[in-house]
């Protein structure tokens, strides 16, 4: 609390909002609605106005009883503070449908989109417990994927011709791939696609090992040496491009897909997102 060159008349503001004065002092229970009513920002905690210099301090029960705020022996119900995000909202005007969908995907039931406004959903307090299993699955899939991809060059299951290509895969690239595969497994992205330069037989073996650690709704497949992990009926679309049509070839150089400059066949949501013919590389 600090003095101001031009002090506001807080006593008048307090009484006008319905607050009572006790021995000339502004005192109220912490759960009293007066604290929200005097606030320019509609919240029950300071600051109550821009540069107001006002704050709050605790009053002991003995003093509150002496002032008449409480009767002797009166029980005070516990204060349940309003959720800090209860009134949080933001403007979405000018935000395209792809970015709006991304917000919904990232925050799930924690937000509610209403027209051009997005609001925090206080009712989603169980979000953490609901998504505990998904986080556990992501960790499990990441660890398994990292182990499988990291061990490619050392595994006797690979033909000799594939070991050079597998050994050239960097540790950072392996971790990034494992992160993306885990994101597909938990529904955070629809597709992972990469070409490691392996033969079809080796790529199929890797896909089979990955499949063992994936949930039933997610598939790992190989096609002409390309590795795919995907939701069969998820619509695939590259960022900042118009909605795809069946059979459209898109360069796979965006965060939804793999990191190498290969092409990904895009299917509508009614088809299986898996190429049926050899794809050319750029």
C-alpha atoms as a PDB file:
ATOM      1  CA  UNK A   1       0.000   0.000   0.000  1.00  0.00           C
ATOM      2  CA  UNK A   2       1.424   3.320  -1.068  1.00  0.00           C
ATOM      3  CA  UNK A   3       0.434   6.982  -1.022  1.00  0.00           C
ATOM      4  CA  UNK A   4      -0.668   8.627  -4.270  1.00  0.00           C
ATOM      5  CA  UNK A   5      -0.333  12.282  -5.355  1.00  0.00           C
ATOM      6  CA  UNK A   6      -4.076  12.324  -6.102  1.00  0.00           C
ATOM      7  CA  UNK A   7      -5.656   9.730  -3.782  1.00  0.00           C
ATOM      8  CA  UNK A   8      -8.917   8.075  -4.824  1.00  0.00           C
ATOM      9  CA  UNK A   9     -11.896   8.325  -2.479  1.00  0.00           C
ATOM     10  CA  UNK A  10     -11.948   4.660  -1.492  1.00  0.00           C
ATOM     11  CA  UNK A  11     -14.314   5.197   1.447  1.00  0.00           C
ATOM     12  CA  UNK A  12     -17.014   6.519  -0.890  1.00  0.00           C
ATOM     13  CA  UNK A  13     -16.291   3.796  -3.419  1.00  0.00           C
ATOM     14  CA  UNK A  14     -16.537   1.167  -0.659  1.00  0.00           C
ATOM     15  CA  UNK A  15     -19.865   2.343   0.717  1.00  0.00           C
ATOM     16  CA  UNK A  16     -21.320   2.933  -2.768  1.00  0.00           C
ATOM     17  CA  UNK A  17     -20.578  -0.725  -3.545  1.00  0.00           C
ATOM     18  CA  UNK A  18     -22.445  -1.850  -0.428  1.00  0.00           C
ATOM     19  CA  UNK A  19     -19.513  -2.180   1.964  1.00  0.00           C
ATOM     20  CA  UNK A  20     -19.876  -1.405   5.691  1.00  0.00           C
ATOM     21  CA  UNK A  21     -17.491   0.699   7.729  1.00  0.00           C
ATOM     22  CA  UNK A  22     -16.377  -0.458  11.193  1.00  0.00           C
ATOM     23  CA  UNK A  23     -14.899   2.361  13.284  1.00  0.00           C
ATOM     24  CA  UNK A  24     -14.279   4.159  10.000  1.00  0.00           C
ATOM     25  CA  UNK A  25     -12.374   1.215   8.561  1.00  0.00           C
ATOM     26  CA  UNK A  26     -13.100  -0.847   5.459  1.00  0.00           C
ATOM     27  CA  UNK A  27     -13.220  -4.395   6.857  1.00  0.00           C
ATOM     28  CA  UNK A  28     -15.007  -7.439   5.425  1.00  0.00           C
ATOM     29  CA  UNK A  29     -14.727 -11.210   5.408  1.00  0.00           C
ATOM     30  CA  UNK A  30     -12.502 -12.594   2.688  1.00  0.00           C
ATOM     31  CA  UNK A  31     -15.483 -14.256   1.029  1.00  0.00           C
ATOM     32  CA  UNK A  32     -17.591 -11.084   1.009  1.00  0.00           C
ATOM     33  CA  UNK A  33     -18.638 -10.022  -2.546  1.00  0.00           C
ATOM     34  CA  UNK A  34     -17.622  -6.433  -1.738  1.00  0.00           C
ATOM     35  CA  UNK A  35     -14.062  -7.237  -2.796  1.00  0.00           C
ATOM     36  CA  UNK A  36     -15.200  -8.060  -6.316  1.00  0.00           C
ATOM     37  CA  UNK A  37     -17.592  -5.102  -6.491  1.00  0.00           C
ATOM     38  CA  UNK A  38     -14.899  -2.501  -5.749  1.00  0.00           C
ATOM     39  CA  UNK A  39     -12.534  -3.969  -8.331  1.00  0.00           C
ATOM     40  CA  UNK A  40     -12.233  -2.433 -11.763  1.00  0.00           C
ATOM     41  CA  UNK A  41     -11.122  -5.878 -12.967  1.00  0.00           C
ATOM     42  CA  UNK A  42     -13.976  -7.928 -11.464  1.00  0.00           C
ATOM     43  CA  UNK A  43     -11.755 -10.061  -9.222  1.00  0.00           C
ATOM     44  CA  UNK A  44     -11.657 -10.253  -5.391  1.00  0.00           C
ATOM     45  CA  UNK A  45      -7.934  -9.596  -4.993  1.00  0.00           C
ATOM     46  CA  UNK A  46      -5.735  -6.508  -5.410  1.00  0.00           C
ATOM     47  CA  UNK A  47      -4.927  -4.419  -7.285  1.00  0.00           C
ATOM     48  CA  UNK A  48      -8.460  -3.061  -7.424  1.00  0.00           C
ATOM     49  CA  UNK A  49      -7.685  -0.325  -9.957  1.00  0.00           C
ATOM     50  CA  UNK A  50      -4.861   0.914 -12.145  1.00  0.00           C
ATOM     51  CA  UNK A  51      -2.073   2.348  -9.982  1.00  0.00           C
ATOM     52  CA  UNK A  52      -4.409   2.554  -6.996  1.00  0.00           C
ATOM     53  CA  UNK A  53      -1.797   1.974  -4.298  1.00  0.00           C
ATOM     54  CA  UNK A  54      -4.419   0.015  -2.352  1.00  0.00           C
ATOM     55  CA  UNK A  55      -3.978  -3.454  -0.925  1.00  0.00           C
ATOM     56  CA  UNK A  56      -5.302  -5.669   1.853  1.00  0.00           C
ATOM     57  CA  UNK A  57      -4.052  -6.907   5.200  1.00  0.00           C
ATOM     58  CA  UNK A  58      -5.326  -9.618   7.540  1.00  0.00           C
ATOM     59  CA  UNK A  59      -7.395  -8.791  10.621  1.00  0.00           C
ATOM     60  CA  UNK A  60      -7.168 -11.116  13.611  1.00  0.00           C
ATOM     61  CA  UNK A  61     -10.395 -12.706  14.833  1.00  0.00           C
ATOM     62  CA  UNK A  62     -10.222 -10.929  18.210  1.00  0.00           C
ATOM     63  CA  UNK A  63     -10.041  -7.550  16.453  1.00  0.00           C
ATOM     64  CA  UNK A  64     -12.823  -8.516  14.019  1.00  0.00           C
ATOM     65  CA  UNK A  65     -15.087  -9.411  16.967  1.00  0.00           C
ATOM     66  CA  UNK A  66     -14.196  -6.171  18.737  1.00  0.00           C
ATOM     67  CA  UNK A  67     -15.114  -4.190  15.611  1.00  0.00           C
ATOM     68  CA  UNK A  68     -18.388  -6.059  15.181  1.00  0.00           C
ATOM     69  CA  UNK A  69     -17.455  -7.760  11.910  1.00  0.00           C
ATOM     70  CA  UNK A  70     -17.991 -11.123  13.649  1.00  0.00           C
ATOM     71  CA  UNK A  71     -20.059 -12.166  16.642  1.00  0.00           C
ATOM     72  CA  UNK A  72     -18.194 -13.986  19.412  1.00  0.00           C
ATOM     73  CA  UNK A  73     -18.066 -17.677  18.547  1.00  0.00           C
ATOM     74  CA  UNK A  74     -19.549 -17.136  15.066  1.00  0.00           C
ATOM     75  CA  UNK A  75     -18.393 -19.805  12.621  1.00  0.00           C
ATOM     76  CA  UNK A  76     -16.880 -18.562   9.385  1.00  0.00           C
ATOM     77  CA  UNK A  77     -17.244 -20.852   6.363  1.00  0.00           C
ATOM     78  CA  UNK A  78     -13.962 -21.610   4.597  1.00  0.00           C
ATOM     79  CA  UNK A  79     -13.224 -19.381   1.646  1.00  0.00           C
ATOM     80  CA  UNK A  80     -13.042 -21.112  -1.697  1.00  0.00           C
ATOM     81  CA  UNK A  81     -10.994 -18.787  -3.838  1.00  0.00           C
ATOM     82  CA  UNK A  82     -12.204 -18.287  -7.386  1.00  0.00           C
ATOM     83  CA  UNK A  83     -10.124 -20.113  -9.964  1.00  0.00           C
ATOM     84  CA  UNK A  84      -7.561 -17.669 -11.359  1.00  0.00           C
ATOM     85  CA  UNK A  85      -8.519 -18.702 -14.908  1.00  0.00           C
ATOM     86  CA  UNK A  86     -12.287 -18.587 -14.305  1.00  0.00           C
ATOM     87  CA  UNK A  87     -12.770 -15.487 -16.455  1.00  0.00           C
ATOM     88  CA  UNK A  88      -9.872 -16.018 -18.849  1.00  0.00           C
ATOM     89  CA  UNK A  89     -10.800 -15.546 -22.499  1.00  0.00           C
ATOM     90  CA  UNK A  90      -9.243 -14.344 -25.743  1.00  0.00           C
ATOM     91  CA  UNK A  91     -10.277 -13.015 -29.137  1.00  0.00           C
ATOM     92  CA  UNK A  92     -10.030 -15.373 -32.136  1.00  0.00           C
ATOM     93  CA  UNK A  93     -11.135 -13.005 -34.891  1.00  0.00           C
ATOM     94  CA  UNK A  94      -8.818 -13.386 -37.865  1.00  0.00           C
ATOM     95  CA  UNK A  95      -7.573 -16.785 -36.742  1.00  0.00           C
ATOM     96  CA  UNK A  96      -7.999 -19.403 -39.491  1.00  0.00           C
ATOM     97  CA  UNK A  97      -9.697 -22.793 -39.027  1.00  0.00           C
ATOM     98  CA  UNK A  98      -6.372 -24.681 -38.984  1.00  0.00           C
ATOM     99  CA  UNK A  99      -5.071 -22.676 -36.004  1.00  0.00           C
ATOM    100  CA  UNK A 100      -8.421 -22.929 -34.222  1.00  0.00           C
ATOM    101  CA  UNK A 101      -8.317 -26.697 -34.636  1.00  0.00           C
ATOM    102  CA  UNK A 102      -4.759 -26.667 -33.307  1.00  0.00           C
ATOM    103  CA  UNK A 103      -5.913 -24.831 -30.171  1.00  0.00           C
ATOM    104  CA  UNK A 104      -8.669 -27.384 -29.599  1.00  0.00           C
ATOM    105  CA  UNK A 105      -6.195 -30.217 -30.106  1.00  0.00           C
ATOM    106  CA  UNK A 106      -3.651 -28.742 -27.686  1.00  0.00           C
ATOM    107  CA  UNK A 107      -6.023 -27.756 -24.869  1.00  0.00           C
ATOM    108  CA  UNK A 108      -8.853 -30.284 -25.354  1.00  0.00           C
ATOM    109  CA  UNK A 109     -11.696 -29.835 -22.836  1.00  0.00           C
ATOM    110  CA  UNK A 110      -9.800 -27.078 -21.025  1.00  0.00           C
ATOM    111  CA  UNK A 111     -11.136 -24.470 -23.473  1.00  0.00           C
ATOM    112  CA  UNK A 112     -14.508 -23.638 -25.013  1.00  0.00           C
ATOM    113  CA  UNK A 113     -14.644 -21.904 -28.399  1.00  0.00           C
ATOM    114  CA  UNK A 114     -17.735 -19.772 -28.962  1.00  0.00           C
ATOM    115  CA  UNK A 115     -17.657 -17.950 -32.268  1.00  0.00           C
ATOM    116  CA  UNK A 116     -14.675 -15.614 -32.210  1.00  0.00           C
ATOM    117  CA  UNK A 117     -14.069 -16.024 -28.471  1.00  0.00           C
ATOM    118  CA  UNK A 118     -12.196 -18.761 -26.631  1.00  0.00           C
ATOM    119  CA  UNK A 119     -12.825 -19.182 -22.904  1.00  0.00           C
ATOM    120  CA  UNK A 120     -11.138 -21.235 -20.248  1.00  0.00           C
ATOM    121  CA  UNK A 121     -13.387 -24.086 -19.140  1.00  0.00           C
ATOM    122  CA  UNK A 122     -13.293 -24.131 -15.330  1.00  0.00           C
ATOM    123  CA  UNK A 123     -15.413 -27.300 -15.365  1.00  0.00           C
ATOM    124  CA  UNK A 124     -12.429 -29.175 -16.818  1.00  0.00           C
ATOM    125  CA  UNK A 125     -10.747 -29.384 -13.396  1.00  0.00           C
ATOM    126  CA  UNK A 126     -10.395 -33.140 -13.870  1.00  0.00           C
ATOM    127  CA  UNK A 127      -8.299 -32.629 -17.000  1.00  0.00           C
ATOM    128  CA  UNK A 128      -5.074 -33.731 -15.341  1.00  0.00           C
ATOM    129  CA  UNK A 129      -6.490 -36.996 -14.038  1.00  0.00           C
ATOM    130  CA  UNK A 130      -8.330 -37.724 -17.292  1.00  0.00           C
ATOM    131  CA  UNK A 131      -5.140 -37.365 -19.316  1.00  0.00           C
ATOM    132  CA  UNK A 132      -2.809 -39.138 -16.924  1.00  0.00           C
ATOM    133  CA  UNK A 133      -3.088 -42.353 -18.932  1.00  0.00           C
ATOM    134  CA  UNK A 134      -2.315 -40.505 -22.170  1.00  0.00           C
ATOM    135  CA  UNK A 135       0.859 -39.055 -20.679  1.00  0.00           C
ATOM    136  CA  UNK A 136       1.890 -42.492 -19.469  1.00  0.00           C
ATOM    137  CA  UNK A 137       1.253 -43.896 -22.944  1.00  0.00           C
ATOM    138  CA  UNK A 138       3.301 -41.115 -24.539  1.00  0.00           C
ATOM    139  CA  UNK A 139       6.275 -41.892 -22.281  1.00  0.00           C
ATOM    140  CA  UNK A 140       6.004 -45.613 -23.015  1.00  0.00           C
ATOM    141  CA  UNK A 141       5.715 -45.174 -26.787  1.00  0.00           C
ATOM    142  CA  UNK A 142       8.563 -42.649 -26.813  1.00  0.00           C
ATOM    143  CA  UNK A 143      10.903 -44.971 -24.901  1.00  0.00           C
ATOM    144  CA  UNK A 144      10.071 -47.959 -27.098  1.00  0.00           C
ATOM    145  CA  UNK A 145      10.339 -45.996 -30.355  1.00  0.00           C
ATOM    146  CA  UNK A 146      13.657 -44.464 -29.311  1.00  0.00           C
ATOM    147  CA  UNK A 147      15.002 -47.904 -28.426  1.00  0.00           C
ATOM    148  CA  UNK A 148      13.867 -49.474 -31.711  1.00  0.00           C
ATOM    149  CA  UNK A 149      15.106 -46.667 -33.959  1.00  0.00           C
ATOM    150  CA  UNK A 150      18.299 -46.209 -31.940  1.00  0.00           C
ATOM    151  CA  UNK A 151      19.193 -49.862 -32.276  1.00  0.00           C
ATOM    152  CA  UNK A 152      18.648 -50.187 -36.015  1.00  0.00           C
ATOM    153  CA  UNK A 153      22.305 -50.307 -36.998  1.00  0.00           C
ATOM    154  CA  UNK A 154      23.153 -52.878 -34.328  1.00  0.00           C
ATOM    155  CA  UNK A 155      20.297 -55.317 -34.879  1.00  0.00           C
ATOM    156  CA  UNK A 156      21.096 -58.590 -36.612  1.00  0.00           C
ATOM    157  CA  UNK A 157      17.555 -58.650 -37.964  1.00  0.00           C
ATOM    158  CA  UNK A 158      18.577 -56.059 -40.567  1.00  0.00           C
ATOM    159  CA  UNK A 159      20.098 -57.246 -43.834  1.00  0.00           C
ATOM    160  CA  UNK A 160      23.718 -56.219 -44.270  1.00  0.00           C
ATOM    161  CA  UNK A 161      22.748 -53.814 -47.051  1.00  0.00           C
ATOM    162  CA  UNK A 162      20.619 -51.779 -44.590  1.00  0.00           C
ATOM    163  CA  UNK A 163      23.117 -51.386 -41.770  1.00  0.00           C
ATOM    164  CA  UNK A 164      24.996 -48.467 -43.291  1.00  0.00           C
ATOM    165  CA  UNK A 165      21.821 -46.428 -43.780  1.00  0.00           C
ATOM    166  CA  UNK A 166      20.570 -47.276 -40.292  1.00  0.00           C
ATOM    167  CA  UNK A 167      23.873 -46.388 -38.623  1.00  0.00           C
ATOM    168  CA  UNK A 168      23.756 -42.949 -40.287  1.00  0.00           C
ATOM    169  CA  UNK A 169      20.596 -41.964 -38.389  1.00  0.00           C
ATOM    170  CA  UNK A 170      21.616 -39.393 -35.793  1.00  0.00           C
ATOM    171  CA  UNK A 171      20.712 -39.510 -32.099  1.00  0.00           C
ATOM    172  CA  UNK A 172      18.830 -36.208 -32.265  1.00  0.00           C
ATOM    173  CA  UNK A 173      16.872 -37.373 -35.290  1.00  0.00           C
ATOM    174  CA  UNK A 174      15.950 -40.567 -33.443  1.00  0.00           C
ATOM    175  CA  UNK A 175      14.651 -38.631 -30.430  1.00  0.00           C
ATOM    176  CA  UNK A 176      12.638 -36.280 -32.646  1.00  0.00           C
ATOM    177  CA  UNK A 177      11.124 -39.260 -34.449  1.00  0.00           C
ATOM    178  CA  UNK A 178      10.232 -40.916 -31.129  1.00  0.00           C
ATOM    179  CA  UNK A 179       8.534 -37.703 -29.953  1.00  0.00           C
ATOM    180  CA  UNK A 180       6.467 -37.514 -33.142  1.00  0.00           C
ATOM    181  CA  UNK A 181       5.474 -41.193 -33.006  1.00  0.00           C
ATOM    182  CA  UNK A 182       4.359 -40.714 -29.383  1.00  0.00           C
ATOM    183  CA  UNK A 183       2.311 -37.691 -30.507  1.00  0.00           C
ATOM    184  CA  UNK A 184       0.529 -39.837 -33.092  1.00  0.00           C
ATOM    185  CA  UNK A 185      -0.117 -42.569 -30.502  1.00  0.00           C
ATOM    186  CA  UNK A 186      -1.839 -40.095 -28.162  1.00  0.00           C
ATOM    187  CA  UNK A 187      -3.842 -38.372 -30.906  1.00  0.00           C
ATOM    188  CA  UNK A 188      -1.890 -35.091 -30.909  1.00  0.00           C
ATOM    189  CA  UNK A 189      -1.004 -35.441 -34.596  1.00  0.00           C
ATOM    190  CA  UNK A 190      -2.435 -37.667 -37.339  1.00  0.00           C
ATOM    191  CA  UNK A 191       0.669 -38.945 -39.137  1.00  0.00           C
ATOM    192  CA  UNK A 192       4.380 -39.636 -38.850  1.00  0.00           C
ATOM    193  CA  UNK A 193       6.195 -40.366 -42.132  1.00  0.00           C
ATOM    194  CA  UNK A 194       9.917 -40.852 -42.667  1.00  0.00           C
ATOM    195  CA  UNK A 195      12.263 -42.442 -45.172  1.00  0.00           C
ATOM    196  CA  UNK A 196      15.423 -43.818 -43.562  1.00  0.00           C
ATOM    197  CA  UNK A 197      16.893 -45.317 -46.721  1.00  0.00           C
ATOM    198  CA  UNK A 198      16.100 -48.884 -45.619  1.00  0.00           C
ATOM    199  CA  UNK A 199      14.967 -51.741 -47.807  1.00  0.00           C
ATOM    200  CA  UNK A 200      11.294 -52.673 -47.755  1.00  0.00           C
ATOM    201  CA  UNK A 201      12.039 -55.795 -45.705  1.00  0.00           C
ATOM    202  CA  UNK A 202      13.917 -53.821 -43.050  1.00  0.00           C
ATOM    203  CA  UNK A 203      11.273 -51.079 -42.941  1.00  0.00           C
ATOM    204  CA  UNK A 204       8.569 -53.723 -42.471  1.00  0.00           C
ATOM    205  CA  UNK A 205      10.497 -55.244 -39.556  1.00  0.00           C
ATOM    206  CA  UNK A 206      10.825 -51.836 -37.892  1.00  0.00           C
ATOM    207  CA  UNK A 207       7.104 -51.182 -38.416  1.00  0.00           C
ATOM    208  CA  UNK A 208       6.213 -54.535 -36.823  1.00  0.00           C
ATOM    209  CA  UNK A 209       8.320 -53.787 -33.757  1.00  0.00           C
ATOM    210  CA  UNK A 210       6.831 -50.316 -33.415  1.00  0.00           C
ATOM    211  CA  UNK A 211       3.328 -51.729 -33.775  1.00  0.00           C
ATOM    212  CA  UNK A 212       3.741 -53.869 -30.656  1.00  0.00           C
ATOM    213  CA  UNK A 213       3.984 -50.753 -28.505  1.00  0.00           C
ATOM    214  CA  UNK A 214       1.185 -48.742 -30.155  1.00  0.00           C
ATOM    215  CA  UNK A 215      -2.494 -48.608 -29.136  1.00  0.00           C
ATOM    216  CA  UNK A 216      -4.835 -50.672 -31.372  1.00  0.00           C
ATOM    217  CA  UNK A 217      -6.242 -47.612 -33.175  1.00  0.00           C
ATOM    218  CA  UNK A 218      -2.778 -46.541 -34.393  1.00  0.00           C
ATOM    219  CA  UNK A 219      -0.977 -48.377 -37.196  1.00  0.00           C
ATOM    220  CA  UNK A 220       2.699 -48.647 -38.130  1.00  0.00           C
ATOM    221  CA  UNK A 221       3.294 -49.637 -41.754  1.00  0.00           C
ATOM    222  CA  UNK A 222       6.086 -49.666 -44.345  1.00  0.00           C
ATOM    223  CA  UNK A 223       5.737 -48.975 -48.050  1.00  0.00           C
ATOM    224  CA  UNK A 224       8.737 -49.097 -50.431  1.00  0.00           C
ATOM    225  CA  UNK A 225      11.097 -48.343 -47.562  1.00  0.00           C
ATOM    226  CA  UNK A 226       8.991 -45.481 -46.183  1.00  0.00           C
ATOM    227  CA  UNK A 227       7.865 -45.742 -42.554  1.00  0.00           C
ATOM    228  CA  UNK A 228       4.379 -44.560 -41.550  1.00  0.00           C
ATOM    229  CA  UNK A 229       2.725 -44.313 -38.133  1.00  0.00           C
ATOM    230  CA  UNK A 230      -0.827 -42.995 -38.444  1.00  0.00           C
ATOM    231  CA  UNK A 231      -4.499 -43.012 -37.518  1.00  0.00           C
ATOM    232  CA  UNK A 232      -6.232 -44.799 -40.435  1.00  0.00           C
ATOM    233  CA  UNK A 233      -9.183 -42.415 -40.577  1.00  0.00           C
ATOM    234  CA  UNK A 234      -7.575 -39.155 -39.537  1.00  0.00           C
ATOM    235  CA  UNK A 235      -7.669 -36.452 -42.231  1.00  0.00           C
ATOM    236  CA  UNK A 236      -4.100 -35.479 -43.170  1.00  0.00           C
ATOM    237  CA  UNK A 237      -3.394 -31.891 -44.182  1.00  0.00           C
ATOM    238  CA  UNK A 238      -0.202 -29.876 -44.417  1.00  0.00           C
ATOM    239  CA  UNK A 239      -0.042 -26.543 -42.602  1.00  0.00           C
ATOM    240  CA  UNK A 240      -0.917 -23.400 -44.600  1.00  0.00           C
ATOM    241  CA  UNK A 241      -2.159 -25.405 -47.609  1.00  0.00           C
ATOM    242  CA  UNK A 242      -5.760 -25.734 -48.843  1.00  0.00           C
ATOM    243  CA  UNK A 243      -7.723 -28.838 -47.807  1.00  0.00           C
ATOM    244  CA  UNK A 244      -6.326 -31.830 -49.726  1.00  0.00           C
ATOM    245  CA  UNK A 245      -8.167 -33.873 -52.288  1.00  0.00           C
ATOM    246  CA  UNK A 246      -7.808 -37.622 -52.665  1.00  0.00           C
ATOM    247  CA  UNK A 247      -4.432 -38.586 -54.044  1.00  0.00           C
ATOM    248  CA  UNK A 248      -2.798 -35.173 -53.612  1.00  0.00           C
ATOM    249  CA  UNK A 249       0.998 -35.240 -53.229  1.00  0.00           C
ATOM    250  CA  UNK A 250       2.361 -32.821 -50.645  1.00  0.00           C
ATOM    251  CA  UNK A 251       6.020 -32.168 -49.793  1.00  0.00           C
ATOM    252  CA  UNK A 252       6.627 -33.574 -46.313  1.00  0.00           C
ATOM    253  CA  UNK A 253       8.478 -30.560 -44.910  1.00  0.00           C
ATOM    254  CA  UNK A 254       6.198 -29.384 -42.131  1.00  0.00           C
ATOM    255  CA  UNK A 255       5.991 -30.311 -38.426  1.00  0.00           C
ATOM    256  CA  UNK A 256       3.038 -32.655 -39.019  1.00  0.00           C
ATOM    257  CA  UNK A 257       5.159 -35.065 -41.053  1.00  0.00           C
ATOM    258  CA  UNK A 258       8.723 -36.356 -41.201  1.00  0.00           C
ATOM    259  CA  UNK A 259      11.901 -34.351 -41.633  1.00  0.00           C
ATOM    260  CA  UNK A 260      13.286 -35.603 -44.940  1.00  0.00           C
ATOM    261  CA  UNK A 261      12.197 -34.159 -48.333  1.00  0.00           C
ATOM    262  CA  UNK A 262       9.941 -37.011 -49.430  1.00  0.00           C
ATOM    263  CA  UNK A 263       6.338 -36.913 -50.582  1.00  0.00           C
ATOM    264  CA  UNK A 264       3.304 -38.029 -48.620  1.00  0.00           C
ATOM    265  CA  UNK A 265       0.103 -39.290 -50.235  1.00  0.00           C
ATOM    266  CA  UNK A 266      -2.882 -37.542 -48.676  1.00  0.00           C
ATOM    267  CA  UNK A 267      -6.257 -39.262 -48.361  1.00  0.00           C
ATOM    268  CA  UNK A 268      -9.651 -38.089 -47.204  1.00  0.00           C
ATOM    269  CA  UNK A 269     -10.940 -39.164 -43.780  1.00  0.00           C
ATOM    270  CA  UNK A 270     -13.034 -41.917 -45.382  1.00  0.00           C
ATOM    271  CA  UNK A 271      -9.968 -43.762 -46.666  1.00  0.00           C
ATOM    272  CA  UNK A 272      -6.960 -45.438 -45.132  1.00  0.00           C
ATOM    273  CA  UNK A 273      -4.053 -42.986 -45.057  1.00  0.00           C
ATOM    274  CA  UNK A 274      -1.550 -45.327 -46.690  1.00  0.00           C
ATOM    275  CA  UNK A 275       0.091 -45.008 -50.126  1.00  0.00           C
ATOM    276  CA  UNK A 276      -0.658 -47.818 -52.544  1.00  0.00           C
ATOM    277  CA  UNK A 277       2.131 -47.092 -55.013  1.00  0.00           C
ATOM    278  CA  UNK A 278       5.746 -46.014 -54.937  1.00  0.00           C
ATOM    279  CA  UNK A 279       6.237 -42.326 -54.069  1.00  0.00           C
ATOM    280  CA  UNK A 280       8.929 -40.262 -55.711  1.00  0.00           C
ATOM    281  CA  UNK A 281      11.515 -38.338 -53.732  1.00  0.00           C
ATOM    282  CA  UNK A 282      12.528 -34.756 -54.391  1.00  0.00           C
END
